[in-house]
Amino acid sequence: MSSELPEWSRRAFSEPRLKPYLVASHGDSARAWRLYRWNVEVSQAFYGSLHCLEIGLRNAVHDRLLERYGRADWWEAAPLKKHDSGKVAKARDDLRRKGVGRPTADDVVAELSFGFWVSLLSSSYDRHLWVPALHRAFPYYAGRRSVLRDNFQAMVLLRNRIMHHEPVHHRHLPADHAKIYRLLGYLEPEIVTWLQGFDRVPEILGRKPGNDGGEHA
């Protein structure tokens, strides 16, 4: 790796972590360092909109299934697939390990991952969840369930990359940002208006170092 990069950066972040940025910058170490910093900034900026999307989806799905089964712990009555019921069991176990002796339904709901909630939109739940209940979680959506699920799954992948501190600079981030807003609009348009008041993603997208091209998602 070029010696032009700050020596401390190689110790703190490691050469393997910094190498993809050098590759994306065509060997220009100064630009690679700017790109690394920008990746941190844009990841931080996306946190707010992804937060709104995950919490909004979680609460919309939970409310519809609570209504459907008449109980806050609806997962005890819903025909969940083994993989998903295992996630519920793990959430309870994780809560107990954190010192929550008797987890409530609200505790479990908050512990379940973004991916869990998106999995409930899959085709295997068409008959028992989507048709009788979950389509009402998206009052401003009129398209196909499969398209909706795929769009949410793409945002799970983006969220995971960001939360695991991975590069996102190569993605088509303006499209990702627009997708988040579109999905929020299906849940509750007022969230979009509120989020726009402090969302820094557009500003940071506008000052990306150069134009790296690369893979789009």
N, C-alpha and C. Protein backbone atom coordinates (compact mmCIF):
# COMPACT_ATOMS: atom_id res chain seq x y z
N MET A 1 0.85 -1.19 0.00
CA MET A 1 0.00 0.00 0.00
C MET A 1 0.89 1.24 0.00
N SER A 2 0.46 2.29 -0.66
CA SER A 2 1.28 3.48 -0.81
C SER A 2 1.65 4.09 0.53
N SER A 3 2.92 4.54 0.63
CA SER A 3 3.37 5.17 1.86
C SER A 3 2.76 6.56 2.03
N GLU A 4 2.03 7.07 1.02
CA GLU A 4 1.40 8.37 1.14
C GLU A 4 0.22 8.34 2.10
N LEU A 5 -0.35 7.17 2.34
CA LEU A 5 -1.40 7.08 3.34
C LEU A 5 -0.79 7.33 4.71
N PRO A 6 -1.53 7.98 5.60
CA PRO A 6 -0.99 8.20 6.94
C PRO A 6 -0.59 6.88 7.58
N GLU A 7 0.59 6.87 8.18
CA GLU A 7 1.09 5.64 8.79
C GLU A 7 0.14 5.12 9.86
N TRP A 8 -0.43 6.03 10.64
CA TRP A 8 -1.34 5.60 11.71
C TRP A 8 -2.59 4.92 11.15
N SER A 9 -3.00 5.30 9.91
CA SER A 9 -4.21 4.72 9.33
C SER A 9 -4.02 3.23 9.06
N ARG A 10 -2.82 2.85 8.69
CA ARG A 10 -2.54 1.44 8.42
C ARG A 10 -2.56 0.63 9.72
N ARG A 11 -2.11 1.27 10.81
CA ARG A 11 -2.16 0.58 12.09
C ARG A 11 -3.59 0.49 12.62
N ALA A 12 -4.34 1.57 12.48
CA ALA A 12 -5.68 1.63 13.07
C ALA A 12 -6.71 0.83 12.27
N PHE A 13 -6.64 0.90 10.94
CA PHE A 13 -7.67 0.31 10.10
C PHE A 13 -7.22 -0.93 9.34
N SER A 14 -5.93 -1.16 9.24
CA SER A 14 -5.32 -2.32 8.57
C SER A 14 -5.28 -2.14 7.06
N GLU A 15 -4.22 -2.65 6.47
CA GLU A 15 -4.05 -2.56 5.02
C GLU A 15 -5.13 -3.32 4.25
N PRO A 16 -5.52 -4.52 4.70
CA PRO A 16 -6.59 -5.22 3.97
C PRO A 16 -7.87 -4.41 3.90
N ARG A 17 -8.21 -3.68 4.98
CA ARG A 17 -9.43 -2.87 4.97
C ARG A 17 -9.29 -1.68 4.04
N LEU A 18 -8.13 -1.08 3.99
CA LEU A 18 -7.94 0.10 3.16
C LEU A 18 -7.70 -0.22 1.68
N LYS A 19 -7.25 -1.44 1.41
CA LYS A 19 -6.88 -1.79 0.04
C LYS A 19 -8.01 -1.60 -0.97
N PRO A 20 -9.28 -2.00 -0.68
CA PRO A 20 -10.34 -1.80 -1.68
C PRO A 20 -10.53 -0.34 -2.08
N TYR A 21 -10.27 0.56 -1.15
CA TYR A 21 -10.41 1.99 -1.46
C TYR A 21 -9.29 2.45 -2.39
N LEU A 22 -8.10 1.89 -2.20
CA LEU A 22 -6.98 2.20 -3.09
C LEU A 22 -7.25 1.67 -4.49
N VAL A 23 -7.83 0.46 -4.55
CA VAL A 23 -8.17 -0.13 -5.85
C VAL A 23 -9.23 0.73 -6.54
N ALA A 24 -10.27 1.12 -5.79
CA ALA A 24 -11.33 1.95 -6.37
C ALA A 24 -10.83 3.30 -6.82
N SER A 25 -9.73 3.75 -6.22
CA SER A 25 -9.16 5.05 -6.56
C SER A 25 -8.01 4.94 -7.55
N HIS A 26 -7.87 3.77 -8.18
CA HIS A 26 -6.87 3.54 -9.22
C HIS A 26 -5.45 3.86 -8.74
N GLY A 27 -5.17 3.49 -7.49
CA GLY A 27 -3.83 3.66 -6.95
C GLY A 27 -3.52 5.03 -6.40
N ASP A 28 -4.47 5.94 -6.48
CA ASP A 28 -4.26 7.29 -5.95
C ASP A 28 -4.51 7.25 -4.45
N SER A 29 -3.46 7.23 -3.66
CA SER A 29 -3.61 7.04 -2.22
C SER A 29 -4.32 8.20 -1.54
N ALA A 30 -4.09 9.41 -2.00
CA ALA A 30 -4.76 10.57 -1.39
C ALA A 30 -6.27 10.48 -1.62
N ARG A 31 -6.64 10.09 -2.82
CA ARG A 31 -8.06 9.95 -3.12
C ARG A 31 -8.65 8.77 -2.35
N ALA A 32 -7.90 7.69 -2.20
CA ALA A 32 -8.38 6.52 -1.45
C ALA A 32 -8.69 6.90 -0.02
N TRP A 33 -7.85 7.72 0.58
CA TRP A 33 -8.06 8.15 1.96
C TRP A 33 -9.30 9.03 2.07
N ARG A 34 -9.51 9.90 1.09
CA ARG A 34 -10.73 10.73 1.07
C ARG A 34 -11.96 9.85 0.90
N LEU A 35 -11.84 8.83 0.06
CA LEU A 35 -12.97 7.94 -0.19
C LEU A 35 -13.32 7.13 1.06
N TYR A 36 -12.30 6.72 1.81
CA TYR A 36 -12.56 5.99 3.05
C TYR A 36 -13.33 6.87 4.03
N ARG A 37 -12.87 8.09 4.18
CA ARG A 37 -13.57 9.02 5.09
C ARG A 37 -14.99 9.26 4.60
N TRP A 38 -15.15 9.45 3.29
CA TRP A 38 -16.49 9.70 2.75
C TRP A 38 -17.40 8.49 2.99
N ASN A 39 -16.87 7.28 2.87
CA ASN A 39 -17.65 6.07 3.11
C ASN A 39 -18.17 6.05 4.56
N VAL A 40 -17.31 6.49 5.50
CA VAL A 40 -17.74 6.58 6.90
C VAL A 40 -18.86 7.61 7.03
N GLU A 41 -18.69 8.76 6.39
CA GLU A 41 -19.69 9.83 6.49
C GLU A 41 -21.03 9.44 5.90
N VAL A 42 -21.01 8.83 4.71
CA VAL A 42 -22.27 8.50 4.06
C VAL A 42 -22.96 7.35 4.80
N SER A 43 -22.18 6.43 5.36
CA SER A 43 -22.77 5.35 6.14
C SER A 43 -23.47 5.92 7.37
N GLN A 44 -22.81 6.86 8.02
CA GLN A 44 -23.41 7.51 9.18
C GLN A 44 -24.70 8.23 8.79
N ALA A 45 -24.69 8.90 7.64
CA ALA A 45 -25.86 9.65 7.21
C ALA A 45 -27.04 8.73 6.91
N PHE A 46 -26.77 7.55 6.36
CA PHE A 46 -27.84 6.62 6.03
C PHE A 46 -28.49 6.02 7.28
N TYR A 47 -27.82 6.12 8.41
CA TYR A 47 -28.36 5.51 9.63
C TYR A 47 -29.77 6.01 9.93
N GLY A 48 -30.01 7.32 9.80
CA GLY A 48 -31.31 7.89 10.14
C GLY A 48 -32.45 7.32 9.31
N SER A 49 -32.27 7.28 7.99
CA SER A 49 -33.34 6.79 7.13
C SER A 49 -33.55 5.30 7.29
N LEU A 50 -32.46 4.55 7.47
CA LEU A 50 -32.60 3.11 7.70
C LEU A 50 -33.25 2.82 9.05
N HIS A 51 -32.94 3.63 10.04
CA HIS A 51 -33.59 3.53 11.34
C HIS A 51 -35.11 3.66 11.18
N CYS A 52 -35.52 4.71 10.47
CA CYS A 52 -36.96 4.94 10.27
C CYS A 52 -37.60 3.78 9.52
N LEU A 53 -36.90 3.26 8.52
CA LEU A 53 -37.47 2.18 7.72
C LEU A 53 -37.64 0.91 8.55
N GLU A 54 -36.60 0.55 9.30
CA GLU A 54 -36.67 -0.68 10.10
C GLU A 54 -37.74 -0.58 11.18
N ILE A 55 -37.76 0.52 11.92
CA ILE A 55 -38.74 0.68 13.00
C ILE A 55 -40.14 0.78 12.43
N GLY A 56 -40.28 1.51 11.32
CA GLY A 56 -41.60 1.64 10.70
C GLY A 56 -42.15 0.31 10.23
N LEU A 57 -41.31 -0.49 9.57
CA LEU A 57 -41.75 -1.81 9.12
C LEU A 57 -42.09 -2.70 10.31
N ARG A 58 -41.21 -2.73 11.29
CA ARG A 58 -41.43 -3.57 12.47
C ARG A 58 -42.79 -3.28 13.12
N ASN A 59 -43.07 -2.02 13.34
CA ASN A 59 -44.30 -1.67 14.05
C ASN A 59 -45.54 -1.91 13.20
N ALA A 60 -45.44 -1.64 11.89
CA ALA A 60 -46.58 -1.87 11.01
C ALA A 60 -46.93 -3.36 10.94
N VAL A 61 -45.91 -4.21 10.79
CA VAL A 61 -46.14 -5.65 10.71
C VAL A 61 -46.64 -6.19 12.05
N HIS A 62 -46.00 -5.77 13.13
CA HIS A 62 -46.41 -6.22 14.45
C HIS A 62 -47.87 -5.86 14.73
N ASP A 63 -48.25 -4.63 14.44
CA ASP A 63 -49.62 -4.19 14.71
C ASP A 63 -50.65 -5.00 13.94
N ARG A 64 -50.34 -5.30 12.66
CA ARG A 64 -51.30 -6.06 11.86
C ARG A 64 -51.41 -7.52 12.35
N LEU A 65 -50.30 -8.08 12.81
CA LEU A 65 -50.35 -9.47 13.27
C LEU A 65 -50.94 -9.56 14.68
N LEU A 66 -50.73 -8.56 15.49
CA LEU A 66 -51.41 -8.50 16.79
C LEU A 66 -52.91 -8.46 16.57
N GLU A 67 -53.32 -7.65 15.61
CA GLU A 67 -54.74 -7.54 15.26
C GLU A 67 -55.28 -8.86 14.71
N ARG A 68 -54.49 -9.51 13.88
CA ARG A 68 -54.90 -10.76 13.25
C ARG A 68 -55.09 -11.89 14.27
N TYR A 69 -54.16 -12.00 15.22
CA TYR A 69 -54.20 -13.13 16.15
C TYR A 69 -54.70 -12.76 17.55
N GLY A 70 -54.95 -11.48 17.78
CA GLY A 70 -55.54 -11.07 19.04
C GLY A 70 -54.64 -11.23 20.26
N ARG A 71 -53.33 -11.19 20.04
CA ARG A 71 -52.39 -11.34 21.15
C ARG A 71 -51.07 -10.69 20.77
N ALA A 72 -50.42 -10.09 21.75
CA ALA A 72 -49.16 -9.39 21.49
C ALA A 72 -48.06 -10.36 21.08
N ASP A 73 -48.09 -11.58 21.62
CA ASP A 73 -47.11 -12.59 21.22
C ASP A 73 -47.69 -13.46 20.11
N TRP A 74 -48.06 -12.80 19.03
CA TRP A 74 -48.74 -13.46 17.91
C TRP A 74 -47.92 -14.61 17.31
N TRP A 75 -46.60 -14.58 17.52
CA TRP A 75 -45.74 -15.65 16.97
C TRP A 75 -46.03 -17.01 17.60
N GLU A 76 -46.73 -17.00 18.75
CA GLU A 76 -47.11 -18.26 19.37
C GLU A 76 -48.30 -18.90 18.66
N ALA A 77 -49.02 -18.10 17.87
CA ALA A 77 -50.19 -18.61 17.15
C ALA A 77 -49.99 -18.64 15.64
N ALA A 78 -49.14 -17.76 15.13
CA ALA A 78 -48.93 -17.69 13.68
C ALA A 78 -48.13 -18.90 13.19
N PRO A 79 -48.42 -19.38 11.98
CA PRO A 79 -47.71 -20.54 11.43
C PRO A 79 -46.34 -20.16 10.87
N LEU A 80 -45.42 -19.81 11.75
CA LEU A 80 -44.08 -19.40 11.31
C LEU A 80 -43.28 -20.60 10.83
N LYS A 81 -42.44 -20.37 9.84
CA LYS A 81 -41.52 -21.40 9.39
C LYS A 81 -40.48 -21.65 10.48
N LYS A 82 -39.87 -22.82 10.45
CA LYS A 82 -38.91 -23.19 11.50
C LYS A 82 -37.80 -22.16 11.64
N HIS A 83 -37.32 -21.68 10.51
CA HIS A 83 -36.23 -20.70 10.53
C HIS A 83 -36.64 -19.45 11.28
N ASP A 84 -37.86 -18.98 11.05
CA ASP A 84 -38.32 -17.75 11.68
C ASP A 84 -38.71 -17.97 13.14
N SER A 85 -39.31 -19.09 13.46
CA SER A 85 -39.61 -19.36 14.87
C SER A 85 -38.32 -19.50 15.66
N GLY A 86 -37.26 -19.99 15.00
CA GLY A 86 -35.96 -20.07 15.64
C GLY A 86 -35.41 -18.69 15.97
N LYS A 87 -35.68 -17.72 15.12
CA LYS A 87 -35.23 -16.35 15.38
C LYS A 87 -35.95 -15.77 16.60
N VAL A 88 -37.23 -16.12 16.76
CA VAL A 88 -37.97 -15.66 17.94
C VAL A 88 -37.37 -16.28 19.19
N ALA A 89 -37.10 -17.57 19.15
CA ALA A 89 -36.50 -18.25 20.29
C ALA A 89 -35.14 -17.65 20.64
N LYS A 90 -34.36 -17.35 19.61
CA LYS A 90 -33.04 -16.75 19.84
C LYS A 90 -33.18 -15.37 20.46
N ALA A 91 -34.17 -14.61 20.01
CA ALA A 91 -34.39 -13.27 20.57
C ALA A 91 -34.69 -13.37 22.06
N ARG A 92 -35.51 -14.33 22.45
CA ARG A 92 -35.82 -14.52 23.87
C ARG A 92 -34.57 -14.92 24.65
N ASP A 93 -33.79 -15.83 24.08
CA ASP A 93 -32.56 -16.27 24.74
C ASP A 93 -31.57 -15.12 24.90
N ASP A 94 -31.45 -14.31 23.85
CA ASP A 94 -30.52 -13.17 23.90
C ASP A 94 -30.95 -12.18 24.99
N LEU A 95 -32.26 -11.97 25.11
CA LEU A 95 -32.76 -11.05 26.13
C LEU A 95 -32.45 -11.56 27.53
N ARG A 96 -32.61 -12.86 27.73
CA ARG A 96 -32.31 -13.43 29.05
C ARG A 96 -30.82 -13.30 29.36
N ARG A 97 -29.98 -13.48 28.34
CA ARG A 97 -28.55 -13.32 28.56
C ARG A 97 -28.20 -11.87 28.92
N LYS A 98 -29.03 -10.95 28.46
CA LYS A 98 -28.82 -9.54 28.77
C LYS A 98 -29.40 -9.15 30.14
N GLY A 99 -30.01 -10.13 30.81
CA GLY A 99 -30.54 -9.86 32.14
C GLY A 99 -32.03 -9.61 32.20
N VAL A 100 -32.73 -9.79 31.09
CA VAL A 100 -34.19 -9.64 31.08
C VAL A 100 -34.78 -10.99 31.48
N GLY A 101 -35.17 -11.12 32.73
CA GLY A 101 -35.60 -12.42 33.25
C GLY A 101 -36.82 -12.99 32.57
N ARG A 102 -37.83 -12.16 32.39
CA ARG A 102 -39.07 -12.61 31.75
C ARG A 102 -39.41 -11.64 30.62
N PRO A 103 -38.85 -11.86 29.44
CA PRO A 103 -39.07 -10.93 28.33
C PRO A 103 -40.55 -10.79 27.98
N THR A 104 -40.99 -9.55 27.82
CA THR A 104 -42.35 -9.28 27.37
C THR A 104 -42.42 -9.37 25.85
N ALA A 105 -43.62 -9.33 25.33
CA ALA A 105 -43.79 -9.33 23.87
C ALA A 105 -43.10 -8.13 23.26
N ASP A 106 -43.20 -6.97 23.91
CA ASP A 106 -42.54 -5.76 23.39
C ASP A 106 -41.03 -5.93 23.38
N ASP A 107 -40.49 -6.60 24.40
CA ASP A 107 -39.05 -6.86 24.43
C ASP A 107 -38.63 -7.70 23.23
N VAL A 108 -39.40 -8.74 22.95
CA VAL A 108 -39.07 -9.64 21.84
C VAL A 108 -39.17 -8.90 20.50
N VAL A 109 -40.22 -8.11 20.35
CA VAL A 109 -40.41 -7.35 19.11
C VAL A 109 -39.20 -6.45 18.85
N ALA A 110 -38.73 -5.77 19.88
CA ALA A 110 -37.59 -4.86 19.72
C ALA A 110 -36.29 -5.60 19.45
N GLU A 111 -36.20 -6.86 19.88
CA GLU A 111 -34.98 -7.64 19.73
C GLU A 111 -34.86 -8.28 18.35
N LEU A 112 -36.00 -8.52 17.69
CA LEU A 112 -35.98 -9.20 16.40
C LEU A 112 -35.38 -8.30 15.31
N SER A 113 -34.67 -8.93 14.40
CA SER A 113 -33.90 -8.18 13.41
C SER A 113 -34.76 -7.67 12.25
N PHE A 114 -34.19 -6.71 11.54
CA PHE A 114 -34.80 -6.19 10.31
C PHE A 114 -35.10 -7.34 9.35
N GLY A 115 -34.13 -8.24 9.21
CA GLY A 115 -34.31 -9.37 8.30
C GLY A 115 -35.48 -10.25 8.67
N PHE A 116 -35.75 -10.41 9.96
CA PHE A 116 -36.90 -11.21 10.40
C PHE A 116 -38.19 -10.61 9.87
N TRP A 117 -38.36 -9.31 10.05
CA TRP A 117 -39.61 -8.67 9.63
C TRP A 117 -39.79 -8.75 8.11
N VAL A 118 -38.69 -8.60 7.38
CA VAL A 118 -38.77 -8.71 5.92
C VAL A 118 -39.11 -10.14 5.50
N SER A 119 -38.62 -11.12 6.24
CA SER A 119 -38.89 -12.52 5.89
C SER A 119 -40.38 -12.84 5.95
N LEU A 120 -41.13 -12.10 6.75
CA LEU A 120 -42.58 -12.34 6.85
C LEU A 120 -43.33 -11.89 5.60
N LEU A 121 -42.62 -11.20 4.69
CA LEU A 121 -43.23 -10.77 3.43
C LEU A 121 -42.94 -11.76 2.30
N SER A 122 -42.32 -12.90 2.61
CA SER A 122 -41.97 -13.87 1.57
C SER A 122 -43.18 -14.65 1.10
N SER A 123 -43.03 -15.33 -0.04
CA SER A 123 -44.15 -16.05 -0.66
C SER A 123 -44.69 -17.17 0.22
N SER A 124 -43.87 -17.71 1.10
CA SER A 124 -44.32 -18.81 1.95
C SER A 124 -45.38 -18.37 2.95
N TYR A 125 -45.54 -17.05 3.12
CA TYR A 125 -46.54 -16.54 4.05
C TYR A 125 -47.71 -15.87 3.34
N ASP A 126 -47.79 -16.03 2.04
CA ASP A 126 -48.88 -15.40 1.27
C ASP A 126 -50.25 -15.70 1.87
N ARG A 127 -50.55 -16.96 2.06
CA ARG A 127 -51.89 -17.38 2.46
C ARG A 127 -52.23 -17.00 3.90
N HIS A 128 -51.28 -17.21 4.81
CA HIS A 128 -51.61 -17.05 6.22
C HIS A 128 -51.31 -15.67 6.80
N LEU A 129 -50.39 -14.93 6.17
CA LEU A 129 -50.05 -13.62 6.72
C LEU A 129 -50.34 -12.46 5.76
N TRP A 130 -49.84 -12.54 4.52
CA TRP A 130 -49.98 -11.42 3.60
C TRP A 130 -51.43 -11.14 3.25
N VAL A 131 -52.13 -12.12 2.75
CA VAL A 131 -53.50 -11.89 2.28
C VAL A 131 -54.44 -11.45 3.40
N PRO A 132 -54.46 -12.15 4.53
CA PRO A 132 -55.41 -11.75 5.58
C PRO A 132 -54.98 -10.54 6.41
N ALA A 133 -53.69 -10.19 6.41
CA ALA A 133 -53.26 -9.15 7.35
C ALA A 133 -52.19 -8.20 6.84
N LEU A 134 -51.08 -8.73 6.37
CA LEU A 134 -49.91 -7.88 6.17
C LEU A 134 -50.03 -6.89 5.02
N HIS A 135 -50.87 -7.16 4.04
CA HIS A 135 -51.02 -6.17 2.97
C HIS A 135 -51.52 -4.84 3.52
N ARG A 136 -52.21 -4.89 4.67
CA ARG A 136 -52.73 -3.66 5.27
C ARG A 136 -51.65 -2.86 6.00
N ALA A 137 -50.48 -3.46 6.15
CA ALA A 137 -49.36 -2.73 6.75
C ALA A 137 -48.81 -1.67 5.80
N PHE A 138 -49.19 -1.75 4.52
CA PHE A 138 -48.68 -0.85 3.49
C PHE A 138 -49.86 -0.19 2.78
N PRO A 139 -50.56 0.71 3.46
CA PRO A 139 -51.80 1.28 2.92
C PRO A 139 -51.61 2.11 1.65
N TYR A 140 -50.35 2.50 1.36
CA TYR A 140 -50.10 3.34 0.19
C TYR A 140 -49.36 2.58 -0.90
N TYR A 141 -49.47 1.24 -0.85
CA TYR A 141 -48.81 0.41 -1.86
C TYR A 141 -49.86 -0.41 -2.58
N ALA A 142 -49.73 -0.50 -3.91
CA ALA A 142 -50.71 -1.24 -4.70
C ALA A 142 -50.05 -2.25 -5.63
N GLY A 143 -48.77 -2.51 -5.44
CA GLY A 143 -48.07 -3.42 -6.34
C GLY A 143 -48.04 -4.85 -5.83
N ARG A 144 -47.13 -5.63 -6.39
CA ARG A 144 -47.01 -7.04 -6.03
C ARG A 144 -46.21 -7.21 -4.75
N ARG A 145 -46.61 -8.20 -3.97
CA ARG A 145 -45.91 -8.49 -2.72
C ARG A 145 -44.44 -8.80 -2.99
N SER A 146 -44.17 -9.58 -4.04
CA SER A 146 -42.79 -10.01 -4.31
C SER A 146 -41.87 -8.83 -4.57
N VAL A 147 -42.36 -7.82 -5.27
CA VAL A 147 -41.56 -6.63 -5.55
C VAL A 147 -41.28 -5.87 -4.25
N LEU A 148 -42.29 -5.74 -3.43
CA LEU A 148 -42.14 -5.06 -2.15
C LEU A 148 -41.11 -5.78 -1.29
N ARG A 149 -41.23 -7.09 -1.21
CA ARG A 149 -40.30 -7.88 -0.40
C ARG A 149 -38.87 -7.74 -0.91
N ASP A 150 -38.68 -7.79 -2.22
CA ASP A 150 -37.33 -7.68 -2.79
C ASP A 150 -36.71 -6.32 -2.49
N ASN A 151 -37.52 -5.27 -2.54
CA ASN A 151 -37.01 -3.94 -2.25
C ASN A 151 -36.60 -3.81 -0.78
N PHE A 152 -37.41 -4.38 0.10
CA PHE A 152 -37.04 -4.36 1.52
C PHE A 152 -35.78 -5.19 1.77
N GLN A 153 -35.68 -6.33 1.09
CA GLN A 153 -34.51 -7.18 1.28
C GLN A 153 -33.24 -6.47 0.84
N ALA A 154 -33.33 -5.70 -0.22
CA ALA A 154 -32.17 -4.92 -0.68
C ALA A 154 -31.73 -3.93 0.40
N MET A 155 -32.68 -3.39 1.13
CA MET A 155 -32.34 -2.44 2.19
C MET A 155 -31.79 -3.15 3.42
N VAL A 156 -32.19 -4.40 3.64
CA VAL A 156 -31.57 -5.19 4.71
C VAL A 156 -30.09 -5.38 4.39
N LEU A 157 -29.77 -5.69 3.16
CA LEU A 157 -28.38 -5.89 2.76
C LEU A 157 -27.57 -4.61 2.90
N LEU A 158 -28.15 -3.48 2.52
CA LEU A 158 -27.48 -2.20 2.69
C LEU A 158 -27.24 -1.92 4.17
N ARG A 159 -28.26 -2.13 4.97
CA ARG A 159 -28.15 -1.90 6.42
C ARG A 159 -27.05 -2.76 7.01
N ASN A 160 -26.98 -4.01 6.60
CA ASN A 160 -25.97 -4.92 7.15
C ASN A 160 -24.56 -4.50 6.75
N ARG A 161 -24.39 -4.04 5.52
CA ARG A 161 -23.08 -3.57 5.10
C ARG A 161 -22.65 -2.36 5.94
N ILE A 162 -23.58 -1.46 6.16
CA ILE A 162 -23.26 -0.26 6.93
C ILE A 162 -22.95 -0.62 8.37
N MET A 163 -23.77 -1.47 8.98
CA MET A 163 -23.58 -1.80 10.39
C MET A 163 -22.33 -2.65 10.62
N HIS A 164 -21.84 -3.32 9.56
CA HIS A 164 -20.61 -4.10 9.68
C HIS A 164 -19.41 -3.35 9.12
N HIS A 165 -19.59 -2.02 8.89
CA HIS A 165 -18.49 -1.14 8.52
C HIS A 165 -17.84 -1.53 7.19
N GLU A 166 -18.66 -1.99 6.26
CA GLU A 166 -18.13 -2.41 4.97
C GLU A 166 -18.26 -1.29 3.94
N PRO A 167 -17.53 -1.37 2.83
CA PRO A 167 -17.65 -0.34 1.79
C PRO A 167 -19.05 -0.30 1.18
N VAL A 168 -19.56 0.91 1.00
CA VAL A 168 -20.83 1.08 0.28
C VAL A 168 -20.66 2.09 -0.85
N HIS A 169 -19.44 2.64 -0.99
CA HIS A 169 -19.21 3.69 -1.98
C HIS A 169 -19.46 3.22 -3.41
N HIS A 170 -19.36 1.91 -3.64
CA HIS A 170 -19.51 1.37 -4.99
C HIS A 170 -20.98 1.18 -5.37
N ARG A 171 -21.88 1.30 -4.41
CA ARG A 171 -23.30 1.12 -4.69
C ARG A 171 -23.88 2.37 -5.37
N HIS A 172 -25.04 2.17 -5.97
CA HIS A 172 -25.77 3.31 -6.53
C HIS A 172 -26.56 3.92 -5.37
N LEU A 173 -25.87 4.68 -4.54
CA LEU A 173 -26.46 5.17 -3.30
C LEU A 173 -27.64 6.14 -3.51
N PRO A 174 -27.64 6.98 -4.55
CA PRO A 174 -28.85 7.79 -4.78
C PRO A 174 -30.09 6.93 -5.00
N ALA A 175 -29.92 5.80 -5.70
CA ALA A 175 -31.06 4.90 -5.91
C ALA A 175 -31.47 4.23 -4.61
N ASP A 176 -30.48 3.86 -3.79
CA ASP A 176 -30.79 3.29 -2.48
C ASP A 176 -31.58 4.28 -1.64
N HIS A 177 -31.13 5.51 -1.64
CA HIS A 177 -31.79 6.56 -0.85
C HIS A 177 -33.23 6.76 -1.33
N ALA A 178 -33.41 6.82 -2.64
CA ALA A 178 -34.76 6.99 -3.19
C ALA A 178 -35.65 5.80 -2.84
N LYS A 179 -35.06 4.60 -2.82
CA LYS A 179 -35.83 3.41 -2.48
C LYS A 179 -36.31 3.44 -1.04
N ILE A 180 -35.45 3.89 -0.14
CA ILE A 180 -35.85 4.00 1.26
C ILE A 180 -37.04 4.94 1.39
N TYR A 181 -36.98 6.07 0.74
CA TYR A 181 -38.09 7.03 0.81
C TYR A 181 -39.36 6.45 0.21
N ARG A 182 -39.21 5.73 -0.88
CA ARG A 182 -40.38 5.13 -1.51
C ARG A 182 -41.04 4.11 -0.57
N LEU A 183 -40.22 3.27 0.07
CA LEU A 183 -40.75 2.27 1.00
C LEU A 183 -41.38 2.92 2.22
N LEU A 184 -40.76 3.97 2.72
CA LEU A 184 -41.37 4.69 3.84
C LEU A 184 -42.72 5.28 3.46
N GLY A 185 -42.81 5.74 2.22
CA GLY A 185 -44.07 6.30 1.75
C GLY A 185 -45.18 5.28 1.69
N TYR A 186 -44.84 4.02 1.46
CA TYR A 186 -45.87 2.97 1.47
C TYR A 186 -46.41 2.73 2.87
N LEU A 187 -45.56 3.00 3.86
CA LEU A 187 -45.96 2.79 5.26
C LEU A 187 -46.71 4.00 5.81
N GLU A 188 -46.09 5.17 5.68
CA GLU A 188 -46.65 6.40 6.24
C GLU A 188 -45.95 7.62 5.63
N PRO A 189 -46.61 8.31 4.73
CA PRO A 189 -45.97 9.45 4.05
C PRO A 189 -45.47 10.53 5.00
N GLU A 190 -46.09 10.68 6.16
CA GLU A 190 -45.65 11.71 7.09
C GLU A 190 -44.22 11.46 7.59
N ILE A 191 -43.81 10.20 7.62
CA ILE A 191 -42.43 9.90 8.02
C ILE A 191 -41.46 10.54 7.03
N VAL A 192 -41.80 10.49 5.76
CA VAL A 192 -40.93 11.05 4.72
C VAL A 192 -40.75 12.54 4.94
N THR A 193 -41.84 13.25 5.19
CA THR A 193 -41.76 14.69 5.41
C THR A 193 -40.90 15.01 6.63
N TRP A 194 -41.09 14.26 7.70
CA TRP A 194 -40.32 14.48 8.93
C TRP A 194 -38.84 14.20 8.70
N LEU A 195 -38.53 13.10 8.03
CA LEU A 195 -37.15 12.70 7.81
C LEU A 195 -36.41 13.71 6.94
N GLN A 196 -37.08 14.26 5.95
CA GLN A 196 -36.43 15.21 5.05
C GLN A 196 -35.91 16.44 5.78
N GLY A 197 -36.46 16.70 6.97
CA GLY A 197 -36.04 17.87 7.73
C GLY A 197 -34.63 17.78 8.29
N PHE A 198 -34.08 16.58 8.39
CA PHE A 198 -32.73 16.46 8.95
C PHE A 198 -31.86 15.43 8.22
N ASP A 199 -32.33 14.88 7.14
CA ASP A 199 -31.59 13.88 6.39
C ASP A 199 -30.39 14.52 5.69
N ARG A 200 -29.18 14.03 6.00
CA ARG A 200 -27.95 14.59 5.43
C ARG A 200 -27.43 13.81 4.23
N VAL A 201 -28.12 12.74 3.84
CA VAL A 201 -27.63 11.92 2.74
C VAL A 201 -27.46 12.71 1.44
N PRO A 202 -28.46 13.50 1.01
CA PRO A 202 -28.27 14.23 -0.25
C PRO A 202 -27.03 15.12 -0.26
N GLU A 203 -26.79 15.81 0.85
CA GLU A 203 -25.62 16.69 0.96
C GLU A 203 -24.32 15.90 0.81
N ILE A 204 -24.23 14.78 1.49
CA ILE A 204 -22.99 14.00 1.48
C ILE A 204 -22.80 13.29 0.14
N LEU A 205 -23.89 12.84 -0.48
CA LEU A 205 -23.78 12.24 -1.81
C LEU A 205 -23.20 13.24 -2.80
N GLY A 206 -23.52 14.50 -2.60
CA GLY A 206 -23.07 15.54 -3.52
C GLY A 206 -21.60 15.86 -3.44
N ARG A 207 -20.90 15.36 -2.42
CA ARG A 207 -19.47 15.63 -2.31
C ARG A 207 -18.64 14.35 -2.25
N LYS A 208 -19.08 13.35 -2.98
CA LYS A 208 -18.29 12.13 -3.09
C LYS A 208 -17.00 12.44 -3.84
N PRO A 209 -15.86 11.91 -3.38
CA PRO A 209 -14.59 12.16 -4.09
C PRO A 209 -14.58 11.52 -5.47
N GLY A 210 -14.70 12.29 -6.51
CA GLY A 210 -14.67 11.77 -7.87
C GLY A 210 -15.90 10.99 -8.21
N ASN A 211 -15.78 10.18 -9.25
CA ASN A 211 -16.89 9.32 -9.71
C ASN A 211 -16.31 7.95 -9.92
N ASP A 212 -16.55 7.04 -8.95
CA ASP A 212 -15.88 5.75 -8.98
C ASP A 212 -16.56 4.71 -9.84
N GLY A 213 -17.78 5.00 -10.24
CA GLY A 213 -18.50 3.98 -11.01
C GLY A 213 -18.70 2.76 -10.16
N GLY A 214 -18.47 1.59 -10.72
CA GLY A 214 -18.50 0.38 -9.92
C GLY A 214 -19.87 -0.27 -9.94
N GLU A 215 -20.01 -1.21 -9.03
CA GLU A 215 -21.21 -2.04 -8.96
C GLU A 215 -22.39 -1.24 -8.45
N HIS A 216 -23.53 -1.50 -9.00
CA HIS A 216 -24.76 -0.85 -8.57
C HIS A 216 -25.66 -1.90 -7.98
N ALA A 217 -26.48 -1.48 -7.00
CA ALA A 217 -27.38 -2.42 -6.33
C ALA A 217 -28.81 -2.00 -6.53
